[in-house]
Protein backbone atom coordinates (compact mmCIF):
# COMPACT_ATOMS: atom_id res chain seq x y z
CA MET A 1 137.75 27.71 29.99
CA GLU A 2 136.16 28.27 26.59
CA ARG A 3 134.73 31.75 26.18
CA SER A 4 131.03 32.03 25.64
CA LYS A 5 130.18 33.92 22.45
CA PRO A 6 127.41 36.50 22.23
CA PRO A 7 124.51 35.85 19.86
CA VAL A 8 125.22 36.76 16.25
CA ASP A 9 121.85 38.37 15.61
CA ARG A 10 121.67 41.42 17.81
CA LEU A 11 122.18 45.11 17.28
CA VAL A 12 124.54 46.68 19.81
CA VAL A 13 123.92 50.37 20.59
CA GLY A 14 126.54 52.30 22.53
CA ILE A 15 125.48 55.48 24.32
CA ASP A 16 127.93 58.02 25.73
CA PHE A 17 125.86 60.39 27.89
CA GLY A 18 128.38 63.19 28.38
CA THR A 19 128.61 66.32 30.47
CA THR A 20 128.49 68.69 27.51
CA PHE A 21 127.90 66.41 24.51
CA SER A 22 126.43 62.92 24.02
CA GLY A 23 127.02 60.37 21.30
CA VAL A 24 125.43 57.20 19.94
CA ALA A 25 126.99 54.43 17.84
CA ALA A 26 125.80 51.02 16.68
CA ALA A 27 126.91 47.81 14.99
CA TYR A 28 125.29 44.55 13.99
CA SER A 29 127.01 41.73 15.86
CA ALA A 30 127.09 39.40 12.86
CA SER A 31 129.08 41.73 10.63
CA PRO A 32 131.86 43.96 12.05
CA ASP A 33 135.35 42.74 12.87
CA ALA A 34 137.06 46.12 12.96
CA PRO A 35 136.41 49.31 14.95
CA ASP A 36 136.06 51.41 11.80
CA GLU A 37 132.95 49.44 10.81
CA ILE A 38 131.01 50.90 13.72
CA SER A 39 128.34 53.39 12.64
CA VAL A 40 128.26 56.68 14.58
CA ILE A 41 125.04 58.68 14.39
CA LYS A 42 125.84 62.09 12.91
CA THR A 43 122.46 63.67 12.09
CA TRP A 44 120.32 65.22 14.81
CA PRO A 45 116.98 67.02 15.19
CA GLY A 46 117.49 70.75 14.86
CA GLY A 47 120.91 70.26 13.27
CA ASN A 48 119.89 71.86 9.93
CA ASN A 49 121.33 68.90 8.02
CA ILE A 50 124.80 69.61 9.41
CA THR A 51 126.51 66.43 10.56
CA SER A 52 128.04 66.16 14.01
CA ASP A 53 129.52 63.15 15.84
CA LYS A 54 127.73 64.26 19.00
CA VAL A 55 124.76 66.31 20.17
CA PRO A 56 124.71 68.86 23.03
CA SER A 57 123.64 67.40 26.39
CA GLU A 58 121.04 70.13 26.82
CA ILE A 59 117.30 70.14 27.33
CA ALA A 60 114.75 72.95 27.53
CA TYR A 61 111.07 73.09 28.41
CA ASP A 62 108.61 75.56 26.89
CA ALA A 63 106.29 75.41 29.91
CA ALA A 64 106.20 73.97 33.40
CA ALA A 65 105.00 70.39 33.67
CA THR A 66 101.52 70.02 35.08
CA SER A 67 100.95 66.27 34.89
CA PRO A 68 100.58 64.67 38.34
CA SER A 69 102.74 61.78 37.14
CA ASP A 70 105.65 64.21 36.82
CA LEU A 71 105.57 64.58 40.57
CA LYS A 72 105.71 60.87 41.39
CA VAL A 73 109.00 59.92 42.92
CA ALA A 74 110.57 56.49 42.57
CA GLY A 75 112.09 56.17 46.00
CA GLY A 76 112.27 59.77 47.13
CA ARG A 77 110.74 63.25 47.24
CA CYS A 78 110.21 65.56 44.32
CA ALA A 79 111.64 69.04 43.94
CA ASN A 80 109.21 71.58 45.31
CA THR A 81 108.88 75.29 45.30
CA SER A 82 109.11 75.56 49.05
CA GLY A 83 112.68 74.35 49.10
CA GLY A 84 114.02 76.47 51.93
CA ASN A 85 116.74 79.06 51.69
CA ILE A 86 117.96 79.36 48.10
CA LYS A 87 121.18 81.16 47.39
CA ARG A 88 121.02 83.14 44.15
CA ASN A 89 124.25 83.67 42.27
CA LYS A 90 124.98 86.68 40.11
CA LEU A 91 124.74 85.77 36.43
CA ALA A 92 128.26 86.05 35.12
CA ASP A 93 129.16 82.82 33.37
CA ALA A 94 130.03 82.02 29.79
CA PHE A 95 127.02 79.79 29.22
CA HIS A 96 124.12 82.12 29.96
CA PHE A 97 122.60 80.24 32.86
CA ASN A 98 119.55 82.19 33.94
CA ALA A 99 118.83 82.91 37.59
CA LEU A 100 116.92 79.91 38.92
CA SER A 101 116.37 77.83 42.26
CA THR A 102 115.65 74.27 43.62
CA SER A 103 115.09 72.14 46.64
CA PRO A 104 118.10 70.06 47.78
CA ASP A 105 115.92 66.95 47.30
CA ALA A 106 116.00 67.28 43.53
CA GLY A 107 118.46 64.43 43.08
CA LYS A 108 115.94 61.58 43.37
CA LEU A 109 114.83 59.80 40.23
CA LEU A 110 111.32 60.40 38.96
CA ALA A 111 109.44 58.21 36.54
CA VAL A 112 109.43 59.65 33.02
CA SER A 113 106.07 61.21 32.32
CA ASP A 114 104.16 60.27 29.20
CA SER A 115 102.85 63.83 29.13
CA THR A 116 106.20 65.15 27.93
CA THR A 117 105.90 65.80 24.20
CA ALA A 118 107.92 67.45 21.48
CA SER A 119 105.82 70.59 21.89
CA THR A 120 106.93 71.09 25.51
CA MET A 121 110.49 69.80 25.39
CA ARG A 122 113.46 70.52 23.14
CA TRP A 123 116.84 68.84 23.33
CA GLY A 124 120.29 68.96 21.77
CA PHE A 125 120.51 71.16 18.69
CA GLN A 126 116.79 71.98 18.96
CA VAL A 127 117.56 74.35 21.86
CA ARG A 128 118.00 77.85 20.48
CA PRO A 129 121.08 79.83 21.62
CA ASP A 130 118.91 82.39 23.43
CA LYS A 131 116.75 79.74 25.13
CA GLN A 132 116.87 78.97 28.83
CA ARG A 133 118.19 75.42 29.11
CA LEU A 134 119.41 72.76 31.52
CA ARG A 135 122.98 71.57 31.01
CA CYS A 136 125.62 69.51 32.77
CA LEU A 137 122.87 67.55 34.54
CA LYS A 138 125.01 64.43 34.34
CA LEU A 139 127.22 65.85 37.08
CA LEU A 140 124.24 66.20 39.42
CA LEU A 141 123.71 62.42 39.35
CA ASP A 142 126.80 62.18 41.56
CA PRO A 143 126.63 64.78 44.35
CA ALA A 144 130.12 63.71 45.45
CA GLN A 145 131.62 65.20 42.28
CA PRO A 146 132.42 68.93 42.30
CA LEU A 147 130.63 71.06 39.73
CA PRO A 148 132.70 73.09 37.27
CA LYS A 149 133.00 76.79 37.96
CA TYR A 150 130.83 77.63 34.96
CA VAL A 151 127.86 75.71 36.39
CA SER A 152 125.66 77.41 38.97
CA LEU A 153 124.01 74.77 41.14
CA ASP A 154 121.47 77.32 42.37
CA ASP A 155 120.56 78.19 38.78
CA LEU A 156 120.08 74.54 37.86
CA GLN A 157 117.98 73.91 40.93
CA GLU A 158 115.71 76.90 40.37
CA GLN A 159 115.14 75.91 36.75
CA LEU A 160 114.24 72.39 37.86
CA VAL A 161 111.65 73.82 40.22
CA GLY A 162 110.24 75.87 37.35
CA THR A 163 109.63 72.69 35.37
CA GLN A 164 108.37 70.76 38.44
CA LYS A 165 110.85 68.02 37.56
CA ASN A 166 113.94 66.75 39.31
CA VAL A 167 117.35 65.69 38.02
CA GLY A 168 116.41 62.05 37.51
CA THR A 169 113.33 62.93 35.46
CA VAL A 170 115.11 65.40 33.21
CA VAL A 171 118.06 63.07 32.63
CA ALA A 172 115.67 60.24 31.76
CA GLU A 173 113.72 62.48 29.36
CA TYR A 174 116.92 63.57 27.63
CA MET A 175 118.02 59.93 27.38
CA ARG A 176 114.62 58.94 25.98
CA ALA A 177 114.88 61.61 23.27
CA LEU A 178 118.43 60.51 22.46
CA PHE A 179 117.48 56.82 22.33
CA ASP A 180 114.28 57.38 20.33
CA HIS A 181 116.22 59.34 17.72
CA ALA A 182 118.87 56.61 17.57
CA LYS A 183 116.18 53.99 16.94
CA GLU A 184 114.64 56.17 14.23
CA VAL A 185 118.00 56.47 12.46
CA LEU A 186 118.64 52.73 12.76
CA ASN A 187 115.13 52.04 11.51
CA ARG A 188 115.86 54.03 8.37
CA ARG A 189 119.14 52.23 7.85
CA TYR A 190 118.14 48.63 8.53
CA GLY A 191 114.39 48.72 7.89
CA GLU A 192 111.40 48.13 10.15
CA PHE A 193 111.34 44.35 9.69
CA PHE A 194 114.98 43.97 10.73
CA MET A 195 114.53 46.23 13.76
CA SER A 196 111.36 44.43 14.87
CA THR A 197 112.96 40.97 14.63
CA THR A 198 116.46 41.71 15.96
CA SER A 199 117.26 42.04 19.66
CA LEU A 200 118.83 45.31 20.72
CA LYS A 201 121.59 45.51 23.32
CA VAL A 202 122.39 48.86 24.98
CA VAL A 203 125.84 49.59 26.43
CA LEU A 204 125.91 52.82 28.45
CA THR A 205 129.10 54.57 29.56
CA VAL A 206 129.72 56.13 32.99
CA PRO A 207 132.73 57.98 34.45
CA ALA A 208 135.27 55.78 36.23
CA VAL A 209 135.46 58.14 39.22
CA TRP A 210 131.72 58.03 39.91
CA SER A 211 130.25 56.59 43.08
CA ASP A 212 128.32 53.32 43.06
CA ALA A 213 125.12 55.24 43.80
CA ALA A 214 125.67 57.54 40.79
CA GLN A 215 126.20 54.51 38.56
CA ASP A 216 122.91 53.09 39.85
CA ALA A 217 121.14 56.43 39.28
CA THR A 218 122.37 56.47 35.67
CA LEU A 219 121.16 52.92 35.14
CA ARG A 220 117.72 53.71 36.58
CA ALA A 221 117.43 56.78 34.35
CA ALA A 222 118.30 54.67 31.30
CA LYS A 223 115.65 52.09 32.19
CA ALA A 224 113.09 54.84 32.75
CA ALA A 225 114.03 56.18 29.30
CA GLY A 226 112.89 52.93 27.70
CA MET A 227 116.30 51.40 26.96
CA GLY A 228 115.21 48.03 28.34
CA GLN A 229 116.11 46.13 31.48
CA ASP A 230 119.27 44.40 30.22
CA ILE A 231 121.64 47.37 30.04
CA THR A 232 125.40 46.98 30.34
CA LEU A 233 127.39 49.75 31.99
CA ILE A 234 131.04 50.32 31.12
CA PHE A 235 133.48 52.86 32.51
CA GLU A 236 134.36 55.51 29.96
CA PRO A 237 138.16 54.98 30.09
CA GLU A 238 137.65 51.24 29.61
CA ALA A 239 135.55 51.84 26.53
CA ALA A 240 138.14 54.26 25.19
CA ALA A 241 140.92 51.74 25.82
CA VAL A 242 139.27 48.88 23.95
CA TYR A 243 138.68 51.12 20.92
CA ALA A 244 142.06 52.88 20.96
CA LEU A 245 144.14 49.71 21.19
CA GLN A 246 142.31 48.28 18.19
CA ALA A 247 142.31 51.53 16.21
CA ILE A 248 145.98 52.40 16.78
CA GLN A 249 147.69 49.71 14.76
CA PRO A 250 150.50 48.92 14.81
CA ASN A 251 151.53 50.00 18.31
CA HIS A 252 154.39 49.00 20.58
CA LEU A 253 152.25 47.94 23.54
CA LYS A 254 152.51 44.33 24.63
CA VAL A 255 151.59 42.06 27.53
CA GLY A 256 152.98 43.48 30.77
CA HIS A 257 152.92 47.10 29.59
CA ASN A 258 150.92 49.79 31.41
CA PHE A 259 149.15 52.74 29.84
CA VAL A 260 147.15 55.72 31.13
CA VAL A 261 143.87 56.61 29.43
CA VAL A 262 143.35 60.39 29.49
CA ASP A 263 139.69 61.04 28.68
CA ALA A 264 139.59 64.80 28.23
CA GLY A 265 136.04 65.99 27.69
CA GLY A 266 134.13 69.22 27.82
CA GLY A 267 133.52 69.40 31.56
CA THR A 268 135.79 66.80 33.13
CA VAL A 269 139.05 64.92 32.58
CA ASP A 270 139.17 61.30 33.79
CA LEU A 271 142.32 59.20 34.03
CA ILE A 272 142.94 55.57 34.83
CA THR A 273 145.93 53.25 34.36
CA TYR A 274 145.60 49.74 32.93
CA GLY A 275 148.05 46.90 32.59
CA ILE A 276 147.82 44.58 29.60
CA ARG A 277 147.15 41.00 30.72
CA GLN A 278 146.28 39.60 27.28
CA LEU A 279 146.08 41.04 23.77
CA ALA A 280 143.82 38.62 21.88
CA PRO A 281 141.18 38.99 23.14
CA LEU A 282 142.15 42.13 25.01
CA ARG A 283 142.15 41.73 28.79
CA LEU A 284 143.35 44.39 31.24
CA ASP A 285 144.05 44.90 34.93
CA GLU A 286 143.50 48.18 36.75
CA VAL A 287 146.91 49.23 38.08
CA VAL A 288 145.91 52.12 40.35
CA ARG A 289 142.67 53.85 41.24
CA GLY A 290 141.32 56.29 38.69
CA SER A 291 141.49 60.04 39.18
CA GLY A 292 139.99 63.09 37.55
CA GLY A 293 139.05 66.71 37.80
CA CYS A 294 136.90 69.50 36.39
CA CYS A 295 139.35 70.90 33.85
CA GLY A 296 137.74 70.12 30.49
CA ALA A 297 137.54 72.23 27.38
CA ALA A 298 134.52 74.20 28.61
CA PHE A 299 136.79 76.11 30.97
CA LEU A 300 138.41 77.70 27.94
CA ASN A 301 135.07 79.45 27.33
CA ILE A 302 135.26 81.01 30.79
CA LEU A 303 138.81 82.16 30.18
CA PHE A 304 137.77 83.55 26.79
CA GLU A 305 135.02 85.56 28.46
CA ASP A 306 137.52 86.88 31.01
CA PHE A 307 139.87 87.82 28.16
CA VAL A 308 137.14 89.77 26.30
CA ARG A 309 135.96 91.40 29.52
CA GLN A 310 139.50 92.55 30.28
CA LYS A 311 139.90 93.93 26.76
CA LEU A 312 136.59 95.83 26.73
CA GLY A 313 136.21 96.66 30.39
CA ASP A 314 133.46 95.48 32.71
CA ASP A 315 130.89 98.14 31.78
CA SER A 316 131.25 97.72 28.00
CA PHE A 317 131.25 93.96 28.21
CA ASP A 318 128.16 93.81 30.43
CA GLU A 319 126.37 96.21 28.07
CA ILE A 320 127.12 93.90 25.12
CA ARG A 321 125.91 90.86 27.03
CA LEU A 322 122.71 92.67 27.97
CA ASN A 323 121.88 94.64 24.82
CA LYS A 324 123.60 92.63 22.08
CA PRO A 325 123.44 89.03 23.30
CA ARG A 326 123.50 87.57 19.79
CA SER A 327 126.76 89.36 19.04
CA TRP A 328 128.35 87.76 22.10
CA MET A 329 126.87 84.37 21.23
CA MET A 330 128.34 84.55 17.73
CA ALA A 331 131.78 85.35 19.12
CA LEU A 332 131.55 82.54 21.68
CA LYS A 333 130.34 80.06 19.05
CA TYR A 334 133.24 80.91 16.74
CA PHE A 335 135.68 80.48 19.61
CA GLU A 336 134.05 77.14 20.48
CA ASP A 337 133.79 75.74 16.96
CA TYR A 338 136.97 77.06 15.38
CA VAL A 339 139.57 78.58 17.70
CA LYS A 340 139.49 75.83 20.34
CA ARG A 341 139.64 73.08 17.74
CA HIS A 342 142.32 74.54 15.47
CA TYR A 343 144.73 76.25 17.85
CA ASP A 344 148.25 74.87 17.45
CA PRO A 345 150.97 76.40 19.65
CA ALA A 346 153.56 75.67 16.96
CA GLU A 347 151.76 77.81 14.37
CA ASP A 348 151.87 81.60 14.22
CA ASP A 349 148.17 82.14 13.55
CA LEU A 350 145.83 85.09 13.83
CA PHE A 351 142.22 84.38 14.74
CA ASN A 352 139.63 86.96 13.66
CA ILE A 353 136.58 86.33 15.83
CA PRO A 354 133.31 87.86 14.54
CA PHE A 355 131.83 90.43 16.90
CA PRO A 356 129.09 92.10 14.80
CA GLY A 357 127.74 95.46 15.87
CA ILE A 358 130.65 96.26 18.19
CA PRO A 359 132.36 99.60 17.51
CA ASP A 360 136.03 99.58 16.52
CA ASN A 361 138.39 99.65 19.48
CA ALA A 362 142.10 99.58 18.64
CA ASP A 363 143.15 99.03 22.26
CA ALA A 364 140.85 96.00 22.54
CA GLY A 365 141.89 94.62 19.16
CA ILE A 366 138.44 95.06 17.56
CA ASP A 367 138.45 96.17 13.95
CA GLN A 368 135.50 96.17 11.52
CA GLY A 369 133.45 93.84 13.68
CA PHE A 370 136.21 91.34 14.43
CA LEU A 371 138.21 90.62 17.58
CA CYS A 372 141.79 89.72 16.69
CA MET A 373 143.61 87.14 18.84
CA ASP A 374 147.14 85.98 18.09
CA THR A 375 148.80 82.71 19.09
CA ALA A 376 150.08 84.19 22.35
CA ASP A 377 146.57 85.39 23.31
CA VAL A 378 144.99 81.98 22.70
CA GLY A 379 147.93 80.24 24.37
CA SER A 380 147.34 82.25 27.55
CA LEU A 381 143.82 80.79 27.71
CA PHE A 382 144.96 77.21 27.12
CA LYS A 383 147.84 77.28 29.60
CA PRO A 384 145.98 77.04 32.96
CA VAL A 385 143.69 74.28 31.67
CA ILE A 386 146.58 72.31 30.16
CA ASP A 387 148.57 72.75 33.38
CA ASP A 388 145.72 71.22 35.40
CA ILE A 389 145.61 68.22 33.05
CA LEU A 390 149.38 67.76 33.22
CA THR A 391 149.13 67.78 37.02
CA LEU A 392 146.49 65.03 36.90
CA VAL A 393 148.63 62.93 34.54
CA GLU A 394 151.72 63.33 36.69
CA GLY A 395 149.73 62.34 39.78
CA GLN A 396 148.52 59.16 38.07
CA MET A 397 152.06 58.31 36.97
CA ARG A 398 153.43 58.88 40.46
CA SER A 399 150.89 56.40 41.81
CA VAL A 400 152.07 53.84 39.25
CA ARG A 401 155.73 54.41 40.09
CA ALA A 402 154.92 54.00 43.80
CA MET A 403 153.99 50.39 42.94
CA ASP A 404 157.39 49.87 41.23
CA LYS A 405 155.73 49.85 37.82
CA THR A 406 156.31 51.91 34.68
CA VAL A 407 153.91 53.80 32.45
CA ASN A 408 154.66 52.93 28.83
CA ALA A 409 152.05 55.06 27.06
CA LEU A 410 149.37 57.72 27.36
CA ILE A 411 146.23 57.33 25.25
CA LEU A 412 144.44 60.64 24.67
CA VAL A 413 140.71 60.52 23.89
CA GLY A 414 137.59 62.68 24.28
CA GLY A 415 136.48 65.94 22.72
CA PHE A 416 139.36 67.93 24.20
CA GLY A 417 141.52 64.88 23.50
CA GLN A 418 141.41 65.89 19.82
CA SER A 419 143.23 69.12 20.64
CA GLU A 420 146.56 69.53 18.86
CA CYS A 421 147.67 71.80 21.68
CA LEU A 422 146.96 69.23 24.38
CA LEU A 423 148.63 66.47 22.34
CA LYS A 424 151.81 68.50 21.78
CA CYS A 425 151.99 69.60 25.43
CA LEU A 426 151.70 66.00 26.64
CA ARG A 427 154.34 64.87 24.17
CA SER A 428 156.64 67.71 25.14
CA ARG A 429 156.34 66.82 28.83
CA PHE A 430 156.40 63.01 28.64
CA ALA A 431 157.46 61.71 25.21
CA GLU A 432 160.59 63.84 25.03
CA ALA A 433 161.70 63.09 28.59
CA GLN A 434 163.31 60.04 30.18
CA PRO A 435 161.99 57.47 30.69
CA ARG A 436 160.13 58.08 27.43
CA VAL A 437 156.35 57.66 27.47
CA GLU A 438 154.59 57.27 24.13
CA VAL A 439 151.60 59.63 23.71
CA MET A 440 148.98 58.23 21.33
CA GLN A 441 145.87 59.86 19.93
CA PRO A 442 143.55 57.55 17.98
CA VAL A 443 141.59 58.62 14.95
CA ASN A 444 138.06 59.56 16.05
CA ALA A 445 139.28 60.51 19.54
CA TRP A 446 136.00 62.35 20.24
CA THR A 447 133.96 59.20 19.65
CA ALA A 448 136.46 56.71 21.08
CA VAL A 449 134.32 56.13 24.18
CA VAL A 450 131.05 55.41 22.36
CA ARG A 451 132.81 53.25 19.76
CA GLY A 452 134.46 51.29 22.57
CA ALA A 453 131.07 50.81 24.21
CA VAL A 454 129.85 49.09 21.04
CA LEU A 455 132.95 46.89 20.91
CA ARG A 456 132.33 45.91 24.54
CA GLY A 457 128.79 44.92 23.66
CA LEU A 458 130.00 42.84 20.71
CA GLU A 459 132.63 41.13 22.85
CA GLY A 460 130.09 40.39 25.56
CA GLU A 461 132.60 39.80 28.36
CA GLU A 462 134.44 41.80 31.00
CA LEU A 463 137.43 43.66 29.59
CA VAL A 464 139.10 44.44 32.93
CA LEU A 465 139.83 41.33 34.98
CA ASN A 466 140.91 43.07 38.19
CA ARG A 467 140.04 46.49 39.60
CA LYS A 468 141.23 48.70 42.43
CA ALA A 469 138.66 49.38 45.12
CA ARG A 470 137.91 53.10 45.29
CA ARG A 471 136.65 52.90 48.88
CA HIS A 472 136.25 50.54 51.84
CA TYR A 473 133.20 48.23 51.79
CA GLY A 474 131.80 46.55 54.89
CA VAL A 475 128.90 46.07 57.26
CA SER A 476 128.04 46.99 60.81
CA ALA A 477 127.77 43.94 63.06
CA SER A 478 127.54 43.02 66.73
CA HIS A 479 130.63 41.75 68.51
CA LYS A 480 131.03 40.22 71.93
CA PHE A 481 131.22 43.14 74.35
CA ASN A 482 134.71 43.93 75.65
CA ARG A 483 134.87 46.80 78.10
CA ARG A 484 138.48 47.49 77.10
CA LYS A 485 137.53 47.99 73.45
CA HIS A 486 133.90 49.11 73.47
CA SER A 487 132.07 52.05 75.00
CA LEU A 488 128.99 51.52 77.16
CA ASP A 489 126.70 53.33 74.71
CA VAL A 490 126.96 50.40 72.25
CA LYS A 491 126.41 47.66 74.87
CA TYR A 492 123.21 45.60 74.61
CA TRP A 493 121.82 42.16 75.57
CA ASP A 494 121.46 39.58 72.77
CA LYS A 495 118.37 37.49 73.60
CA TYR A 496 119.36 34.70 71.20
CA ASP A 497 122.95 34.15 72.34
CA GLU A 498 122.19 35.45 75.86
CA LYS A 499 125.37 37.51 75.91
CA TRP A 500 126.31 41.14 76.21
CA LYS A 501 127.31 42.50 72.83
CA ALA A 502 128.61 45.72 71.27
CA ALA A 503 126.52 47.10 68.43
CA ASP A 504 127.67 49.04 65.34
CA GLN A 505 131.09 47.39 65.08
CA MET A 506 132.52 47.52 61.57
CA THR A 507 133.65 44.51 59.61
CA TRP A 508 135.45 45.61 56.45
CA PHE A 509 135.43 43.05 53.64
CA ILE A 510 137.12 45.16 50.95
CA SER A 511 139.81 47.73 51.72
CA LYS A 512 140.37 50.87 49.73
CA GLY A 513 143.00 50.28 47.07
CA ALA A 514 142.70 46.49 47.28
CA THR A 515 142.69 44.45 44.09
CA VAL A 516 139.21 43.06 43.43
CA SER A 517 138.38 40.49 40.75
CA SER A 518 135.79 41.50 38.14
CA THR A 519 134.91 37.89 37.38
CA GLU A 520 134.68 36.37 40.88
CA PRO A 521 132.47 37.78 43.66
CA VAL A 522 133.70 38.86 47.05
CA THR A 523 131.62 37.03 49.68
CA PHE A 524 130.38 38.54 52.92
CA PRO A 525 129.37 36.01 55.63
CA PHE A 526 126.09 36.64 57.50
CA TYR A 527 123.68 34.81 59.75
CA ARG A 528 119.97 35.26 60.34
CA ASN A 529 118.04 34.37 63.49
CA CYS A 530 114.27 34.35 63.43
CA GLN A 531 111.48 33.02 65.60
CA PRO A 532 108.61 30.84 64.29
CA GLY A 533 106.22 32.90 62.13
CA GLN A 534 108.74 35.70 61.70
CA GLY A 535 109.55 36.81 58.13
CA ARG A 536 112.82 35.58 56.77
CA THR A 537 113.56 38.48 54.42
CA SER A 538 116.59 40.33 55.71
CA THR A 539 117.69 43.93 55.19
CA ILE A 540 121.38 44.70 55.45
CA GLU A 541 123.08 48.05 55.09
CA LEU A 542 126.25 48.01 52.99
CA LEU A 543 128.54 50.69 54.39
CA VAL A 544 131.46 52.45 52.77
CA CYS A 545 134.26 54.75 53.83
CA ASP A 546 136.13 57.01 51.40
CA ASP A 547 138.99 57.84 53.79
CA ASP A 548 142.29 55.99 53.49
CA GLU A 549 141.92 54.63 57.02
CA ALA A 550 138.56 53.06 57.89
CA PRO A 551 137.06 53.41 61.42
CA ARG A 552 136.26 50.46 63.70
CA GLN A 553 132.74 51.67 64.55
CA HIS A 554 129.80 52.87 62.46
CA ASN A 555 128.52 56.33 63.34
CA VAL A 556 125.33 57.89 61.98
CA ASN A 557 126.12 61.40 63.18
CA PRO A 558 126.80 64.19 60.63
CA GLY A 559 130.41 64.18 59.49
CA ALA A 560 130.87 60.48 60.24
CA LYS A 561 133.46 58.61 58.19
CA THR A 562 131.09 55.78 57.36
CA ARG A 563 127.98 56.14 55.21
CA VAL A 564 125.28 53.84 53.91
CA LEU A 565 125.82 52.93 50.27
CA CYS A 566 122.74 50.77 49.77
CA GLN A 567 120.21 48.47 51.44
CA MET A 568 120.69 44.81 50.47
CA MET A 569 117.58 42.64 50.75
CA PRO A 570 118.12 38.90 50.24
CA ASP A 571 114.89 36.89 50.14
CA LEU A 572 115.84 34.05 52.46
CA ASP A 573 112.44 32.38 51.94
CA LYS A 574 114.01 30.93 48.80
CA VAL A 575 116.38 28.84 50.91
CA PRO A 576 115.09 25.28 51.53
CA GLY A 577 113.82 24.71 55.07
CA HIS A 578 116.23 21.87 55.81
CA LEU A 579 119.15 24.31 55.63
CA TRP A 580 117.80 26.27 58.58
CA SER A 581 118.99 25.08 62.01
CA ASP A 582 116.59 24.77 64.97
CA HIS A 583 117.71 26.10 68.36
CA VAL A 584 116.43 26.46 71.89
CA ASN A 585 118.46 28.69 74.19
CA ALA A 586 118.75 28.39 77.99
CA SER A 587 115.67 30.56 78.49
CA GLY A 588 113.55 28.27 76.33
CA LEU A 589 113.39 30.65 73.38
CA ARG A 590 112.90 28.70 70.15
CA PHE A 591 114.36 30.12 66.96
CA GLN A 592 115.92 29.14 63.66
CA SER A 593 119.22 30.31 62.24
CA LEU A 594 120.84 30.34 58.83
CA ASP A 595 124.46 30.96 57.86
CA TYR A 596 124.68 32.45 54.37
CA ASP A 597 126.91 34.62 52.20
CA ILE A 598 126.23 37.65 50.06
CA GLY A 599 128.36 37.78 46.93
CA MET A 600 129.29 41.19 45.58
CA GLN A 601 130.79 41.39 42.11
CA VAL A 602 132.52 44.62 41.08
CA GLU A 603 131.80 44.92 37.37
CA SER A 604 132.43 47.69 34.90
CA GLY A 605 130.04 50.47 35.81
CA GLY A 606 128.31 48.87 38.77
CA LEU A 607 127.89 46.29 41.54
CA ARG A 608 125.97 43.02 41.33
CA PHE A 609 124.79 41.04 44.37
CA ASP A 610 123.57 37.50 45.02
CA PHE A 611 123.12 35.33 48.11
CA ARG A 612 124.32 31.79 48.61
CA VAL A 613 124.31 28.97 51.14
CA ASP A 614 127.15 26.42 51.07
CA ASP A 615 128.33 27.93 47.76
CA VAL A 616 124.94 27.39 46.11
CA VAL A 617 123.41 30.61 44.72
CA TYR A 618 119.71 30.93 45.61
CA GLY A 619 118.96 34.24 43.96
CA LYS A 620 119.90 37.83 43.28
CA VAL A 621 119.90 40.42 46.03
CA THR A 622 117.81 43.54 45.56
CA ALA A 623 119.94 46.60 46.34
CA THR A 624 118.37 50.01 46.95
CA PHE A 625 120.93 52.80 46.80
CA ASP A 626 120.71 55.79 49.09
């Protein structure tokens, strides 16, 4: 089949909304043929003309929102100040979260308020070091993901209540600021006429380990931020893979080889293994399910704080944090900007970290306002974080070997993926062992994901042809009652079929770990009975189970293995009347029935649904995620 080509006159904008930093890149589809022709935005509001490939994923509000529109919820309740029992954590983290609180309902998406202006909201580099801010909000879009130790959920929630906004609103407002700035930069580069006459395509990245609901929440936030309705989602490791394999040339990888993408960021590390199906154009298969954990570079800041606390003692350290906060912030910033990025375990370096206003302390290694750390000191901070990453990599490789396959390469990307220490540790463990695994680190590793997002938008087609299901997917249906299989509490009388049936019986259409095509939908068969004058719109709950073994019956009680993923609503009024069958049962009840299928396509970064009768598609299915 001949591949369809994307239009040649559109501007593709890739957006990597990260846990700690976010990036934007763009390319005009008529011009670039190579990944190094992609333009990465490097100037940011509040950046003091200093260039940076990314901007902090932080937002701060000068005052609480008062606009009634800020309290309107799109499909849920807003955070409120009467949110029940709030647990307050002691402030003792390396990122200066202030004591805050929130209602558990703060995860629903709010519409972005037009009342939010530059005078009430600051983002990215505009947020001053001593300013109360919201960070790591991306992780709250997926409640199933554990928060890093340095993030206090109670603090985030209380701060959200103080602004009278919830997670969805704040994420959308940050995305709007990020996108508006990107358009302003592109406007300066290409000119207003070009921007007004050229279509703009947004490709947004999401973590591969995220739930379907979190992917949908991200998409809704992007739409609320004004990014348009036609937004493509792509998994972050996929985006990194498409960039890295084009940027690392020549390489030894060929059709049939498997490689693990290690996306090591600030808060999280995500891994996924792909097999190369085709090189030109690049097409991949997912070999095993992705994995990940909270062991990114930000944990080094926590360990650095523990190191300083141990050197100075609890009382002295707390006094510095309280009475000389700028001194501590300067030390932490130097550690973040220089020590973390330049530490090489093979070099015998001394790092003099500025600690102004702190008295000399020979035992603590402080001399003339500097804290001295040698290679061994810094190495002790890196070791536990690196060990966690090595454990994740080994787990991914074991899963590949369990399928009688071999890992041929590791591709290291992300902010922490630039680390010389992490690169050398991975090479020491895997490249110098047998069987040998090549460890590759592309140029621009920090922006590999956002660059790959642009390449995906230019390509216009699915990169990964087959994926591994991360959970079971199915529906609850009624089966003919069998007293040997079913309990009496699910027995009921079906007035249409005039038979005893068992309710809430699971039919699983996709099993966890199964290979699912990205280009062909999986079809779920359904039927609909309705009496004359009854509406034909149907509502179906799509259920999932994250356990390895799925249950036979749906249970709504707390702790149940099954849960509702979304409500699917096919509009069956679109189906021509002659396809409905007329029936009269033995009791004289007249009704019509329709056999139809729902098609579910597992694409990069999300699910897409349609409904069909006799293989003819009659429309998309609206899906509302829980």
